Amino acid sequence: MAYKHDYNKILTSLTTILSRLNDGDALSIKELAEKFNTSARTIQRDFNEHLAAFPIYQEKKKWKMQ
């Protein structure tokens, strides 16, 4: 059951991140790590692995959507 819980947490964080980026928000790794109660390294991995196919980019330590 722990796996399902982790999967739901990851899915929730990824959809929240994409939604906010789509709304025009500029997001920092630190802010997201605090919001989702996880490490900055985990959030960075999410951007590098799970969100790499989306039109997002980093500018001045903030992530944005093209």
Protein backbone atom coordinates (compact mmCIF):
# COMPACT_ATOMS: atom_id res chain seq x y z
CA MET A 1 0.00 0.00 0.00
CA ALA A 2 2.94 2.35 0.58
CA TYR A 3 3.74 2.21 -3.13
CA LYS A 4 0.25 3.41 -4.09
CA HIS A 5 0.49 6.26 -1.59
CA ASP A 6 3.87 7.34 -3.02
CA TYR A 7 2.49 7.12 -6.54
CA ASN A 8 -0.45 9.35 -5.63
CA LYS A 9 1.87 11.87 -3.97
CA ILE A 10 4.11 12.02 -7.04
CA LEU A 11 1.16 12.31 -9.41
CA THR A 12 -0.37 15.09 -7.31
CA SER A 13 2.86 17.06 -7.18
CA LEU A 14 3.53 16.70 -10.91
CA THR A 15 0.02 17.76 -11.91
CA THR A 16 0.15 20.72 -9.51
CA ILE A 17 3.51 21.81 -10.92
CA LEU A 18 2.29 21.53 -14.52
CA SER A 19 -0.93 23.36 -13.73
CA ARG A 20 0.90 26.24 -12.07
CA LEU A 21 3.44 26.47 -14.90
CA ASN A 22 0.60 26.46 -17.43
CA ASP A 23 -1.01 29.35 -15.49
CA GLY A 24 2.18 31.36 -16.01
CA ASP A 25 3.74 30.92 -12.58
CA ALA A 26 7.53 30.88 -12.20
CA LEU A 27 8.43 28.18 -9.69
CA SER A 28 11.55 27.66 -7.61
CA ILE A 29 12.84 24.27 -6.53
CA LYS A 30 13.05 25.46 -2.92
CA GLU A 31 9.43 26.68 -2.89
CA LEU A 32 8.15 23.42 -4.35
CA ALA A 33 10.21 21.29 -1.97
CA GLU A 34 8.68 23.14 0.98
CA LYS A 35 5.16 22.93 -0.47
CA PHE A 36 5.35 19.18 -1.07
CA ASN A 37 7.41 18.46 2.06
CA THR A 38 10.22 16.81 0.14
CA SER A 39 13.85 17.51 -0.74
CA ALA A 40 15.03 19.96 -3.37
CA ARG A 41 16.84 17.03 -4.98
CA THR A 42 13.53 15.17 -5.44
CA ILE A 43 11.91 18.20 -7.09
CA GLN A 44 14.95 18.67 -9.35
CA ARG A 45 14.68 15.00 -10.34
CA ASP A 46 11.00 15.51 -11.15
CA PHE A 47 11.91 18.31 -13.55
CA ASN A 48 14.81 16.41 -15.12
CA GLU A 49 13.07 13.04 -15.49
CA HIS A 50 9.29 13.29 -15.27
CA LEU A 51 8.71 16.73 -16.79
CA ALA A 52 11.49 16.73 -19.40
CA ALA A 53 9.05 16.19 -22.29
CA PHE A 54 7.14 19.39 -21.52
CA PRO A 55 8.07 22.83 -22.93
CA ILE A 56 9.58 24.12 -19.69
CA TYR A 57 12.83 25.92 -19.03
CA GLN A 58 14.79 27.37 -16.14
CA GLU A 59 15.58 31.07 -15.91
CA LYS A 60 17.20 32.73 -12.90
CA LYS A 61 16.55 29.71 -10.63
CA LYS A 62 12.85 29.66 -11.56
CA TRP A 63 11.09 27.17 -13.82
CA LYS A 64 8.68 28.47 -16.45
CA MET A 65 6.62 27.11 -19.31
CA GLN A 66 7.24 28.35 -22.85
